[in-house]
Amino acid sequence: MLLLRDPQIMTIISARNYFETDFASFLAWRTGAADKTVFNGFGMGALRGSDGVFLLGEMAAHTANHRSGLFSVGNARPNDLRGDRVDMADSVSREVAEETGLAPADYRAAVTALRAHRQWIAFMRALDVAVPAEELRRRILQNLAVRPSRS
């Protein structure tokens, strides 16, 4: 995974601001006892049904954020690097596919927004789906039911 240093709005997706770390170090950092100059700059996909309702997923018990309700979210990874930048749009698409089974053809990406909270910076993309939220929920649950379990 990648973490971020020196987050400036104009350069925030510049690869030069990211550095690689392992998950154990990330968990130690997120306790708040670590370097205050480091930020987690990650992608977030906010799925929205045609009725305007957003869907959240519940994190599984084996995860660091268990029982939290979140949009599809994932930390940037080294394979998200494209030359001198981090491709957050691709990162969001990957996470949405992993967590819901939906492909980019299933939604239209709307505005990308930035949300910062302490040392967390979310690159949020609204992902509009052409069906109402309840139908979208059923489809995601069907996708998850046939997907091999991740532990």
C-alpha atoms as a PDB file:
ATOM      1  CA  MET A   1       0.000   0.000   0.000  1.00  0.00           C
ATOM      2  CA  LEU A   2       1.010   3.624  -0.378  1.00  0.00           C
ATOM      3  CA  LEU A   3       0.846   6.466   2.167  1.00  0.00           C
ATOM      4  CA  LEU A   4       1.144  10.177   1.416  1.00  0.00           C
ATOM      5  CA  ARG A   5       3.474  12.983   2.530  1.00  0.00           C
ATOM      6  CA  ASP A   6       3.044  16.727   1.983  1.00  0.00           C
ATOM      7  CA  PRO A   7      -0.552  16.701   0.705  1.00  0.00           C
ATOM      8  CA  GLN A   8      -1.132  19.787  -1.383  1.00  0.00           C
ATOM      9  CA  ILE A   9      -4.391  20.030  -3.278  1.00  0.00           C
ATOM     10  CA  MET A  10      -2.677  20.661  -6.618  1.00  0.00           C
ATOM     11  CA  THR A  11      -0.160  17.816  -6.263  1.00  0.00           C
ATOM     12  CA  ILE A  12      -2.104  15.348  -4.187  1.00  0.00           C
ATOM     13  CA  ILE A  13      -2.131  12.610  -6.807  1.00  0.00           C
ATOM     14  CA  SER A  14       1.503  13.112  -7.686  1.00  0.00           C
ATOM     15  CA  ALA A  15       3.399   9.865  -7.190  1.00  0.00           C
ATOM     16  CA  ARG A  16       6.328  11.790  -5.693  1.00  0.00           C
ATOM     17  CA  ASN A  17       4.229  12.441  -2.571  1.00  0.00           C
ATOM     18  CA  TYR A  18       3.495   8.755  -1.958  1.00  0.00           C
ATOM     19  CA  PHE A  19       5.746   6.109  -0.456  1.00  0.00           C
ATOM     20  CA  GLU A  20       5.312   2.381  -0.018  1.00  0.00           C
ATOM     21  CA  THR A  21       4.748   0.738   3.350  1.00  0.00           C
ATOM     22  CA  ASP A  22       3.414  -2.556   4.652  1.00  0.00           C
ATOM     23  CA  PHE A  23       0.039  -3.128   6.288  1.00  0.00           C
ATOM     24  CA  ALA A  24       1.459  -3.703   9.782  1.00  0.00           C
ATOM     25  CA  SER A  25       3.223  -0.313   9.657  1.00  0.00           C
ATOM     26  CA  PHE A  26       0.012   1.277   8.389  1.00  0.00           C
ATOM     27  CA  LEU A  27      -1.934  -0.149  11.345  1.00  0.00           C
ATOM     28  CA  ALA A  28       0.707   1.204  13.740  1.00  0.00           C
ATOM     29  CA  TRP A  29       0.560   4.610  12.024  1.00  0.00           C
ATOM     30  CA  ARG A  30      -3.213   4.833  12.233  1.00  0.00           C
ATOM     31  CA  THR A  31      -3.161   4.511  16.034  1.00  0.00           C
ATOM     32  CA  GLY A  32      -2.081   8.152  16.025  1.00  0.00           C
ATOM     33  CA  ALA A  33       1.272   7.577  17.651  1.00  0.00           C
ATOM     34  CA  ALA A  34       3.261   7.893  14.443  1.00  0.00           C
ATOM     35  CA  ASP A  35       4.511  10.576  12.052  1.00  0.00           C
ATOM     36  CA  LYS A  36       2.031  13.485  11.789  1.00  0.00           C
ATOM     37  CA  THR A  37       3.443  14.489   8.383  1.00  0.00           C
ATOM     38  CA  VAL A  38       2.063  11.302   6.809  1.00  0.00           C
ATOM     39  CA  PHE A  39      -1.454  11.105   5.364  1.00  0.00           C
ATOM     40  CA  ASN A  40      -3.569   8.283   4.017  1.00  0.00           C
ATOM     41  CA  GLY A  41      -4.724   9.491   0.593  1.00  0.00           C
ATOM     42  CA  PHE A  42      -7.143   6.825  -0.680  1.00  0.00           C
ATOM     43  CA  GLY A  43      -9.915   6.316  -3.220  1.00  0.00           C
ATOM     44  CA  MET A  44     -13.583   5.960  -2.325  1.00  0.00           C
ATOM     45  CA  GLY A  45     -16.443   4.979  -4.629  1.00  0.00           C
ATOM     46  CA  ALA A  46     -19.877   6.197  -3.547  1.00  0.00           C
ATOM     47  CA  LEU A  47     -22.457   4.054  -5.362  1.00  0.00           C
ATOM     48  CA  ARG A  48     -25.701   5.934  -5.971  1.00  0.00           C
ATOM     49  CA  GLY A  49     -28.874   4.365  -7.318  1.00  0.00           C
ATOM     50  CA  SER A  50     -31.077   6.072  -9.904  1.00  0.00           C
ATOM     51  CA  ASP A  51     -33.365   7.124  -7.032  1.00  0.00           C
ATOM     52  CA  GLY A  52     -30.530   9.172  -5.476  1.00  0.00           C
ATOM     53  CA  VAL A  53     -29.933   6.737  -2.599  1.00  0.00           C
ATOM     54  CA  PHE A  54     -26.300   5.908  -1.745  1.00  0.00           C
ATOM     55  CA  LEU A  55     -25.305   2.388  -0.699  1.00  0.00           C
ATOM     56  CA  LEU A  56     -22.829   1.580   2.078  1.00  0.00           C
ATOM     57  CA  GLY A  57     -21.201  -1.758   2.765  1.00  0.00           C
ATOM     58  CA  GLU A  58     -20.505  -3.252   6.171  1.00  0.00           C
ATOM     59  CA  MET A  59     -16.904  -4.238   6.804  1.00  0.00           C
ATOM     60  CA  ALA A  60     -16.403  -7.891   7.713  1.00  0.00           C
ATOM     61  CA  ALA A  61     -15.394  -9.038  11.187  1.00  0.00           C
ATOM     62  CA  HIS A  62     -11.856  -9.989  10.075  1.00  0.00           C
ATOM     63  CA  THR A  63     -11.041  -6.444   8.863  1.00  0.00           C
ATOM     64  CA  ALA A  64      -9.409  -3.521  10.692  1.00  0.00           C
ATOM     65  CA  ASN A  65     -12.660  -1.508  10.308  1.00  0.00           C
ATOM     66  CA  HIS A  66     -15.059  -4.336  11.172  1.00  0.00           C
ATOM     67  CA  ARG A  67     -18.731  -3.417  11.533  1.00  0.00           C
ATOM     68  CA  SER A  68     -18.177   0.035   9.990  1.00  0.00           C
ATOM     69  CA  GLY A  69     -20.487   1.158   7.226  1.00  0.00           C
ATOM     70  CA  LEU A  70     -18.409   2.517   4.364  1.00  0.00           C
ATOM     71  CA  PHE A  71     -18.486   3.270   0.677  1.00  0.00           C
ATOM     72  CA  SER A  72     -16.175   1.058  -1.388  1.00  0.00           C
ATOM     73  CA  VAL A  73     -12.780   2.236  -0.247  1.00  0.00           C
ATOM     74  CA  GLY A  74      -9.205   1.139  -0.658  1.00  0.00           C
ATOM     75  CA  ASN A  75      -5.711   2.372  -0.123  1.00  0.00           C
ATOM     76  CA  ALA A  76      -3.581   3.261  -3.098  1.00  0.00           C
ATOM     77  CA  ARG A  77      -1.240   0.462  -4.154  1.00  0.00           C
ATOM     78  CA  PRO A  78       1.986   0.448  -6.156  1.00  0.00           C
ATOM     79  CA  ASN A  79       0.086  -0.905  -9.185  1.00  0.00           C
ATOM     80  CA  ASP A  80      -1.969   2.334  -9.146  1.00  0.00           C
ATOM     81  CA  LEU A  81       1.122   4.296 -10.189  1.00  0.00           C
ATOM     82  CA  ARG A  82       1.036   5.626 -13.747  1.00  0.00           C
ATOM     83  CA  GLY A  83       4.354   7.308 -14.371  1.00  0.00           C
ATOM     84  CA  ASP A  84       4.499  10.315 -12.048  1.00  0.00           C
ATOM     85  CA  ARG A  85       0.916  10.079 -10.762  1.00  0.00           C
ATOM     86  CA  VAL A  86      -1.407   7.855  -8.748  1.00  0.00           C
ATOM     87  CA  ASP A  87      -4.481   6.792 -10.743  1.00  0.00           C
ATOM     88  CA  MET A  88      -7.213   7.170  -8.111  1.00  0.00           C
ATOM     89  CA  ALA A  89      -9.980   6.555 -10.661  1.00  0.00           C
ATOM     90  CA  ASP A  90      -8.510   3.132 -11.416  1.00  0.00           C
ATOM     91  CA  SER A  91      -7.998   2.478  -7.703  1.00  0.00           C
ATOM     92  CA  VAL A  92     -11.684   3.236  -7.056  1.00  0.00           C
ATOM     93  CA  SER A  93     -12.778   0.992  -9.938  1.00  0.00           C
ATOM     94  CA  ARG A  94     -10.667  -1.861  -8.575  1.00  0.00           C
ATOM     95  CA  GLU A  95     -12.092  -1.516  -5.069  1.00  0.00           C
ATOM     96  CA  VAL A  96     -15.683  -1.316  -6.309  1.00  0.00           C
ATOM     97  CA  ALA A  97     -15.138  -4.466  -8.381  1.00  0.00           C
ATOM     98  CA  GLU A  98     -13.517  -6.309  -5.444  1.00  0.00           C
ATOM     99  CA  GLU A  99     -16.183  -5.286  -2.933  1.00  0.00           C
ATOM    100  CA  THR A 100     -19.360  -5.347  -5.039  1.00  0.00           C
ATOM    101  CA  GLY A 101     -18.661  -7.244  -8.249  1.00  0.00           C
ATOM    102  CA  LEU A 102     -19.597  -4.173 -10.311  1.00  0.00           C
ATOM    103  CA  ALA A 103     -17.488  -3.198 -13.324  1.00  0.00           C
ATOM    104  CA  PRO A 104     -16.946   0.345 -14.680  1.00  0.00           C
ATOM    105  CA  ALA A 105     -19.524  -0.418 -17.403  1.00  0.00           C
ATOM    106  CA  ASP A 106     -22.147  -0.773 -14.621  1.00  0.00           C
ATOM    107  CA  TYR A 107     -21.934   2.854 -13.482  1.00  0.00           C
ATOM    108  CA  ARG A 108     -21.077   6.358 -14.609  1.00  0.00           C
ATOM    109  CA  ALA A 109     -18.476   8.220 -12.566  1.00  0.00           C
ATOM    110  CA  ALA A 110     -19.683  11.666 -11.597  1.00  0.00           C
ATOM    111  CA  VAL A 111     -17.819  14.373  -9.701  1.00  0.00           C
ATOM    112  CA  THR A 112     -14.647  13.563  -7.818  1.00  0.00           C
ATOM    113  CA  ALA A 113     -14.465  15.287  -4.446  1.00  0.00           C
ATOM    114  CA  LEU A 114     -11.861  15.521  -1.758  1.00  0.00           C
ATOM    115  CA  ARG A 115     -12.633  14.905   1.883  1.00  0.00           C
ATOM    116  CA  ALA A 116     -10.003  15.434   4.558  1.00  0.00           C
ATOM    117  CA  HIS A 117     -10.258  14.466   8.205  1.00  0.00           C
ATOM    118  CA  ARG A 118      -7.138  14.708  10.334  1.00  0.00           C
ATOM    119  CA  GLN A 119      -4.611  12.621   8.410  1.00  0.00           C
ATOM    120  CA  TRP A 120      -7.142  10.918   6.122  1.00  0.00           C
ATOM    121  CA  ILE A 121      -7.842  12.264   2.634  1.00  0.00           C
ATOM    122  CA  ALA A 122     -10.539  10.545   0.595  1.00  0.00           C
ATOM    123  CA  PHE A 123     -10.720  10.997  -3.156  1.00  0.00           C
ATOM    124  CA  MET A 124     -14.432  10.297  -3.441  1.00  0.00           C
ATOM    125  CA  ARG A 125     -16.098   9.547  -6.765  1.00  0.00           C
ATOM    126  CA  ALA A 126     -19.876   9.426  -7.010  1.00  0.00           C
ATOM    127  CA  LEU A 127     -20.743   6.385  -9.134  1.00  0.00           C
ATOM    128  CA  ASP A 128     -24.213   6.630 -10.631  1.00  0.00           C
ATOM    129  CA  VAL A 129     -25.998   3.381 -11.446  1.00  0.00           C
ATOM    130  CA  ALA A 130     -29.041   3.281 -13.739  1.00  0.00           C
ATOM    131  CA  VAL A 131     -31.190   1.234 -11.326  1.00  0.00           C
ATOM    132  CA  PRO A 132     -32.801   2.124  -7.969  1.00  0.00           C
ATOM    133  CA  ALA A 133     -30.723   1.470  -4.837  1.00  0.00           C
ATOM    134  CA  GLU A 134     -32.767  -1.552  -3.706  1.00  0.00           C
ATOM    135  CA  GLU A 135     -32.242  -3.288  -7.045  1.00  0.00           C
ATOM    136  CA  LEU A 136     -28.556  -2.371  -6.931  1.00  0.00           C
ATOM    137  CA  ARG A 137     -28.339  -3.819  -3.407  1.00  0.00           C
ATOM    138  CA  ARG A 138     -29.896  -7.104  -4.572  1.00  0.00           C
ATOM    139  CA  ARG A 139     -27.440  -7.293  -7.465  1.00  0.00           C
ATOM    140  CA  ILE A 140     -24.435  -6.674  -5.207  1.00  0.00           C
ATOM    141  CA  LEU A 141     -25.631  -9.319  -2.732  1.00  0.00           C
ATOM    142  CA  GLN A 142     -25.974 -11.798  -5.610  1.00  0.00           C
ATOM    143  CA  ASN A 143     -22.424 -10.964  -6.739  1.00  0.00           C
ATOM    144  CA  LEU A 144     -21.090 -11.457  -3.222  1.00  0.00           C
ATOM    145  CA  ALA A 145     -22.929 -14.770  -2.801  1.00  0.00           C
ATOM    146  CA  VAL A 146     -21.129 -16.353  -5.774  1.00  0.00           C
ATOM    147  CA  ARG A 147     -17.734 -14.770  -5.130  1.00  0.00           C
ATOM    148  CA  PRO A 148     -15.058 -16.892  -3.497  1.00  0.00           C
ATOM    149  CA  SER A 149     -14.657 -15.916   0.153  1.00  0.00           C
ATOM    150  CA  ARG A 150     -11.760 -13.565   1.020  1.00  0.00           C
ATOM    151  CA  SER A 151     -10.098 -13.990   4.348  1.00  0.00           C
END
